[in-house]
Amino acid sequence: MLSRWILSNVPSWLVLPGLVVLVAGGAVLVQMYVRHRFPRLKGGEHNDATRFAFGVVGFVFAFFTGFVVSAMWSQLNSADVKARTEGAAAVQMARDLTVFDKADSDRIRQSLLEYERAAVAEWPTAASGHSFPEAENALKRLYTAYEEVQPRTDTQKTFLGTSFTNLDKIS
């Protein structure tokens, strides 16, 4: 739970340096405590072992930090691609409204706006790990608005099919 709070409330550019300072500072504090508690360890042969151990620990820490950074970057890119795809699909749906009858177009436009507001309101809730049922309800109403369309022309049929495909992209 603490890790979720940290990742939600602390800027990502500050998390990694903070982690490095925490681990390195903790290692120095442990070394100071052990040397204070066991003064005979200040001898030369023990210092060589300590240097080697710090080198190994530092390498392993850097290795795993690289994996964590790579995984976080991949998640960030994946989320960015998904958000762009959803946004582009919604914009295309709004542009395609011109081919439908006025009543259908107005009803769908209103449902799109409701979904947009609910999706924007969902972000802070989703960041804290909770669900936001209003966004799901707005999406269901948007589906219903499209299902109520009775296409009269081939163009309307084609655009309705494209709109359902775009709905799948944003859901």
C-alpha atoms as a PDB file:
ATOM      1  CA  MET A   1       0.000   0.000   0.000  1.00  0.00           C
ATOM      2  CA  LEU A   2       2.868   2.365   0.788  1.00  0.00           C
ATOM      3  CA  SER A   3       4.500   1.672  -2.568  1.00  0.00           C
ATOM      4  CA  ARG A   4       1.256   2.575  -4.385  1.00  0.00           C
ATOM      5  CA  TRP A   5       1.065   5.830  -2.416  1.00  0.00           C
ATOM      6  CA  ILE A   6       4.682   6.664  -3.238  1.00  0.00           C
ATOM      7  CA  LEU A   7       4.232   5.962  -6.954  1.00  0.00           C
ATOM      8  CA  SER A   8       0.973   7.965  -7.049  1.00  0.00           C
ATOM      9  CA  ASN A   9       2.112  11.008  -5.070  1.00  0.00           C
ATOM     10  CA  VAL A  10       5.868  11.332  -5.564  1.00  0.00           C
ATOM     11  CA  PRO A  11       7.111  12.452  -9.008  1.00  0.00           C
ATOM     12  CA  SER A  12       8.713   9.581 -10.900  1.00  0.00           C
ATOM     13  CA  TRP A  13      11.916  11.573 -11.502  1.00  0.00           C
ATOM     14  CA  LEU A  14      12.327  11.775  -7.705  1.00  0.00           C
ATOM     15  CA  VAL A  15      11.606   8.120  -6.864  1.00  0.00           C
ATOM     16  CA  LEU A  16      14.760   6.614  -8.383  1.00  0.00           C
ATOM     17  CA  PRO A  17      17.250   9.126  -6.927  1.00  0.00           C
ATOM     18  CA  GLY A  18      15.464   8.807  -3.581  1.00  0.00           C
ATOM     19  CA  LEU A  19      15.796   5.042  -3.710  1.00  0.00           C
ATOM     20  CA  VAL A  20      19.490   5.265  -4.574  1.00  0.00           C
ATOM     21  CA  VAL A  21      20.147   7.712  -1.703  1.00  0.00           C
ATOM     22  CA  LEU A  22      18.133   5.540   0.690  1.00  0.00           C
ATOM     23  CA  VAL A  23      19.987   2.329  -0.192  1.00  0.00           C
ATOM     24  CA  ALA A  24      23.443   3.920  -0.315  1.00  0.00           C
ATOM     25  CA  GLY A  25      22.811   5.915   2.869  1.00  0.00           C
ATOM     26  CA  GLY A  26      21.487   2.808   4.608  1.00  0.00           C
ATOM     27  CA  ALA A  27      24.600   0.874   3.608  1.00  0.00           C
ATOM     28  CA  VAL A  28      26.872   3.613   4.961  1.00  0.00           C
ATOM     29  CA  LEU A  29      24.919   3.775   8.233  1.00  0.00           C
ATOM     30  CA  VAL A  30      25.120  -0.004   8.651  1.00  0.00           C
ATOM     31  CA  GLN A  31      28.853   0.106   7.964  1.00  0.00           C
ATOM     32  CA  MET A  32      29.337   2.899  10.519  1.00  0.00           C
ATOM     33  CA  TYR A  33      27.343   0.976  13.136  1.00  0.00           C
ATOM     34  CA  VAL A  34      29.252  -2.260  12.549  1.00  0.00           C
ATOM     35  CA  ARG A  35      32.629  -0.473  12.712  1.00  0.00           C
ATOM     36  CA  HIS A  36      31.597   1.310  15.902  1.00  0.00           C
ATOM     37  CA  ARG A  37      30.297  -1.895  17.466  1.00  0.00           C
ATOM     38  CA  PHE A  38      33.269  -4.016  16.339  1.00  0.00           C
ATOM     39  CA  PRO A  39      36.341  -1.720  16.256  1.00  0.00           C
ATOM     40  CA  ARG A  40      38.688  -4.569  15.253  1.00  0.00           C
ATOM     41  CA  LEU A  41      37.030  -4.596  11.812  1.00  0.00           C
ATOM     42  CA  LYS A  42      38.817  -1.362  10.910  1.00  0.00           C
ATOM     43  CA  GLY A  43      41.868  -3.446  10.013  1.00  0.00           C
ATOM     44  CA  GLY A  44      43.153  -3.622   6.453  1.00  0.00           C
ATOM     45  CA  GLU A  45      42.124  -7.191   5.554  1.00  0.00           C
ATOM     46  CA  HIS A  46      38.523  -6.575   6.576  1.00  0.00           C
ATOM     47  CA  ASN A  47      38.403  -3.326   4.594  1.00  0.00           C
ATOM     48  CA  ASP A  48      39.344  -5.245   1.432  1.00  0.00           C
ATOM     49  CA  ALA A  49      36.425  -7.607   2.003  1.00  0.00           C
ATOM     50  CA  THR A  50      34.113  -4.656   2.650  1.00  0.00           C
ATOM     51  CA  ARG A  51      35.221  -2.923  -0.552  1.00  0.00           C
ATOM     52  CA  PHE A  52      34.618  -6.092  -2.534  1.00  0.00           C
ATOM     53  CA  ALA A  53      31.193  -6.609  -0.911  1.00  0.00           C
ATOM     54  CA  PHE A  54      30.188  -2.999  -1.647  1.00  0.00           C
ATOM     55  CA  GLY A  55      31.318  -3.423  -5.246  1.00  0.00           C
ATOM     56  CA  VAL A  56      29.230  -6.563  -5.693  1.00  0.00           C
ATOM     57  CA  VAL A  57      26.204  -5.058  -3.942  1.00  0.00           C
ATOM     58  CA  GLY A  58      26.555  -1.878  -6.013  1.00  0.00           C
ATOM     59  CA  PHE A  59      26.728  -3.842  -9.254  1.00  0.00           C
ATOM     60  CA  VAL A  60      23.695  -5.969  -8.386  1.00  0.00           C
ATOM     61  CA  PHE A  61      21.769  -2.877  -7.267  1.00  0.00           C
ATOM     62  CA  ALA A  62      22.615  -1.068 -10.525  1.00  0.00           C
ATOM     63  CA  PHE A  63      21.664  -4.142 -12.542  1.00  0.00           C
ATOM     64  CA  PHE A  64      18.235  -4.450 -10.905  1.00  0.00           C
ATOM     65  CA  THR A  65      17.683  -0.688 -11.023  1.00  0.00           C
ATOM     66  CA  GLY A  66      18.225  -0.881 -14.776  1.00  0.00           C
ATOM     67  CA  PHE A  67      15.526  -3.539 -15.040  1.00  0.00           C
ATOM     68  CA  VAL A  68      13.128  -1.480 -12.940  1.00  0.00           C
ATOM     69  CA  VAL A  69      13.738   1.631 -15.032  1.00  0.00           C
ATOM     70  CA  SER A  70      13.281  -0.363 -18.229  1.00  0.00           C
ATOM     71  CA  ALA A  71      10.014  -1.862 -16.972  1.00  0.00           C
ATOM     72  CA  MET A  72       8.692   1.516 -15.844  1.00  0.00           C
ATOM     73  CA  TRP A  73       9.619   3.090 -19.183  1.00  0.00           C
ATOM     74  CA  SER A  74       7.867   0.280 -21.029  1.00  0.00           C
ATOM     75  CA  GLN A  75       4.717   0.756 -18.936  1.00  0.00           C
ATOM     76  CA  LEU A  76       4.825   4.490 -19.541  1.00  0.00           C
ATOM     77  CA  ASN A  77       5.142   3.994 -23.306  1.00  0.00           C
ATOM     78  CA  SER A  78       2.353   1.404 -23.287  1.00  0.00           C
ATOM     79  CA  ALA A  79       0.022   3.719 -21.360  1.00  0.00           C
ATOM     80  CA  ASP A  80       0.888   6.598 -23.688  1.00  0.00           C
ATOM     81  CA  VAL A  81       0.091   4.529 -26.790  1.00  0.00           C
ATOM     82  CA  LYS A  82      -3.200   3.365 -25.291  1.00  0.00           C
ATOM     83  CA  ALA A  83      -4.237   6.903 -24.315  1.00  0.00           C
ATOM     84  CA  ARG A  84      -3.382   8.212 -27.786  1.00  0.00           C
ATOM     85  CA  THR A  85      -5.327   5.390 -29.453  1.00  0.00           C
ATOM     86  CA  GLU A  86      -8.372   6.005 -27.273  1.00  0.00           C
ATOM     87  CA  GLY A  87      -8.229   9.740 -27.899  1.00  0.00           C
ATOM     88  CA  ALA A  88      -7.854   9.357 -31.651  1.00  0.00           C
ATOM     89  CA  ALA A  89     -10.752   6.879 -31.764  1.00  0.00           C
ATOM     90  CA  ALA A  90     -13.005   9.264 -29.814  1.00  0.00           C
ATOM     91  CA  VAL A  91     -12.076  12.200 -32.063  1.00  0.00           C
ATOM     92  CA  GLN A  92     -12.842  10.099 -35.132  1.00  0.00           C
ATOM     93  CA  MET A  93     -16.210   9.137 -33.646  1.00  0.00           C
ATOM     94  CA  ALA A  94     -17.028  12.809 -33.098  1.00  0.00           C
ATOM     95  CA  ARG A  95     -16.024  13.675 -36.686  1.00  0.00           C
ATOM     96  CA  ASP A  96     -18.121  10.850 -38.110  1.00  0.00           C
ATOM     97  CA  LEU A  97     -21.318  12.189 -36.555  1.00  0.00           C
ATOM     98  CA  THR A  98     -22.006  14.355 -39.596  1.00  0.00           C
ATOM     99  CA  VAL A  99     -23.223  11.381 -41.656  1.00  0.00           C
ATOM    100  CA  PHE A 100     -25.996  10.434 -39.234  1.00  0.00           C
ATOM    101  CA  ASP A 101     -29.443  12.005 -38.955  1.00  0.00           C
ATOM    102  CA  LYS A 102     -29.655  15.099 -36.737  1.00  0.00           C
ATOM    103  CA  ALA A 103     -31.460  13.339 -33.864  1.00  0.00           C
ATOM    104  CA  ASP A 104     -29.002  10.435 -33.851  1.00  0.00           C
ATOM    105  CA  SER A 105     -26.046  12.767 -34.165  1.00  0.00           C
ATOM    106  CA  ASP A 106     -27.195  14.937 -31.239  1.00  0.00           C
ATOM    107  CA  ARG A 107     -27.868  11.920 -29.012  1.00  0.00           C
ATOM    108  CA  ILE A 108     -24.464  10.376 -29.783  1.00  0.00           C
ATOM    109  CA  ARG A 109     -22.669  13.708 -29.348  1.00  0.00           C
ATOM    110  CA  GLN A 110     -24.264  14.115 -25.902  1.00  0.00           C
ATOM    111  CA  SER A 111     -23.242  10.571 -24.938  1.00  0.00           C
ATOM    112  CA  LEU A 112     -19.690  11.215 -26.167  1.00  0.00           C
ATOM    113  CA  LEU A 113     -19.481  14.360 -24.050  1.00  0.00           C
ATOM    114  CA  GLU A 114     -20.792  12.502 -20.992  1.00  0.00           C
ATOM    115  CA  TYR A 115     -18.225   9.760 -21.515  1.00  0.00           C
ATOM    116  CA  GLU A 116     -15.447  12.334 -21.975  1.00  0.00           C
ATOM    117  CA  ARG A 117     -16.357  14.037 -18.677  1.00  0.00           C
ATOM    118  CA  ALA A 118     -16.572  10.704 -16.852  1.00  0.00           C
ATOM    119  CA  ALA A 119     -13.234   9.523 -18.292  1.00  0.00           C
ATOM    120  CA  VAL A 120     -11.502  12.729 -17.190  1.00  0.00           C
ATOM    121  CA  ALA A 121     -13.054  12.436 -13.716  1.00  0.00           C
ATOM    122  CA  GLU A 122     -11.919   8.795 -13.573  1.00  0.00           C
ATOM    123  CA  TRP A 123      -8.181   9.555 -13.760  1.00  0.00           C
ATOM    124  CA  PRO A 124      -7.576  10.630 -10.132  1.00  0.00           C
ATOM    125  CA  THR A 125      -9.718   7.759  -8.857  1.00  0.00           C
ATOM    126  CA  ALA A 126      -7.956   5.192 -11.039  1.00  0.00           C
ATOM    127  CA  ALA A 127      -4.550   6.514  -9.974  1.00  0.00           C
ATOM    128  CA  SER A 128      -5.400   5.655  -6.378  1.00  0.00           C
ATOM    129  CA  GLY A 129      -6.405   2.136  -7.398  1.00  0.00           C
ATOM    130  CA  HIS A 130     -10.170   2.528  -7.174  1.00  0.00           C
ATOM    131  CA  SER A 131     -12.832   2.043  -9.802  1.00  0.00           C
ATOM    132  CA  PHE A 132     -15.110   4.769 -11.108  1.00  0.00           C
ATOM    133  CA  PRO A 133     -18.431   3.209 -12.115  1.00  0.00           C
ATOM    134  CA  GLU A 134     -19.714   6.416 -13.721  1.00  0.00           C
ATOM    135  CA  ALA A 135     -17.203   6.042 -16.566  1.00  0.00           C
ATOM    136  CA  GLU A 136     -18.370   2.494 -17.230  1.00  0.00           C
ATOM    137  CA  ASN A 137     -22.012   3.627 -17.123  1.00  0.00           C
ATOM    138  CA  ALA A 138     -21.282   6.492 -19.534  1.00  0.00           C
ATOM    139  CA  LEU A 139     -19.605   4.041 -21.923  1.00  0.00           C
ATOM    140  CA  LYS A 140     -22.666   1.773 -21.768  1.00  0.00           C
ATOM    141  CA  ARG A 141     -24.895   4.763 -22.572  1.00  0.00           C
ATOM    142  CA  LEU A 142     -22.631   5.581 -25.524  1.00  0.00           C
ATOM    143  CA  TYR A 143     -22.961   2.013 -26.820  1.00  0.00           C
ATOM    144  CA  THR A 144     -26.724   2.292 -26.417  1.00  0.00           C
ATOM    145  CA  ALA A 145     -26.769   5.586 -28.351  1.00  0.00           C
ATOM    146  CA  TYR A 146     -24.990   3.913 -31.262  1.00  0.00           C
ATOM    147  CA  GLU A 147     -27.187   0.804 -31.070  1.00  0.00           C
ATOM    148  CA  GLU A 148     -30.294   2.984 -31.434  1.00  0.00           C
ATOM    149  CA  VAL A 149     -29.119   4.326 -34.795  1.00  0.00           C
ATOM    150  CA  GLN A 150     -31.152   3.026 -37.742  1.00  0.00           C
ATOM    151  CA  PRO A 151     -28.884   3.576 -40.770  1.00  0.00           C
ATOM    152  CA  ARG A 152     -30.736   4.497 -43.954  1.00  0.00           C
ATOM    153  CA  THR A 153     -27.805   4.658 -46.381  1.00  0.00           C
ATOM    154  CA  ASP A 154     -24.736   2.569 -47.102  1.00  0.00           C
ATOM    155  CA  THR A 155     -22.552   5.440 -45.915  1.00  0.00           C
ATOM    156  CA  GLN A 156     -24.337   5.486 -42.565  1.00  0.00           C
ATOM    157  CA  LYS A 157     -23.949   1.696 -42.293  1.00  0.00           C
ATOM    158  CA  THR A 158     -20.228   1.955 -42.987  1.00  0.00           C
ATOM    159  CA  PHE A 159     -19.713   4.794 -40.510  1.00  0.00           C
ATOM    160  CA  LEU A 160     -21.788   2.979 -37.877  1.00  0.00           C
ATOM    161  CA  GLY A 161     -19.570  -0.092 -38.256  1.00  0.00           C
ATOM    162  CA  THR A 162     -16.464   2.077 -37.966  1.00  0.00           C
ATOM    163  CA  SER A 163     -17.919   3.738 -34.884  1.00  0.00           C
ATOM    164  CA  PHE A 164     -18.462   0.371 -33.197  1.00  0.00           C
ATOM    165  CA  THR A 165     -14.858  -0.548 -33.990  1.00  0.00           C
ATOM    166  CA  ASN A 166     -13.719   2.730 -32.429  1.00  0.00           C
ATOM    167  CA  LEU A 167     -15.932   2.062 -29.405  1.00  0.00           C
ATOM    168  CA  ASP A 168     -14.062  -1.197 -28.898  1.00  0.00           C
ATOM    169  CA  LYS A 169     -10.792   0.772 -28.935  1.00  0.00           C
ATOM    170  CA  ILE A 170     -11.907   3.145 -26.186  1.00  0.00           C
ATOM    171  CA  SER A 171     -13.533   0.552 -23.947  1.00  0.00           C
END
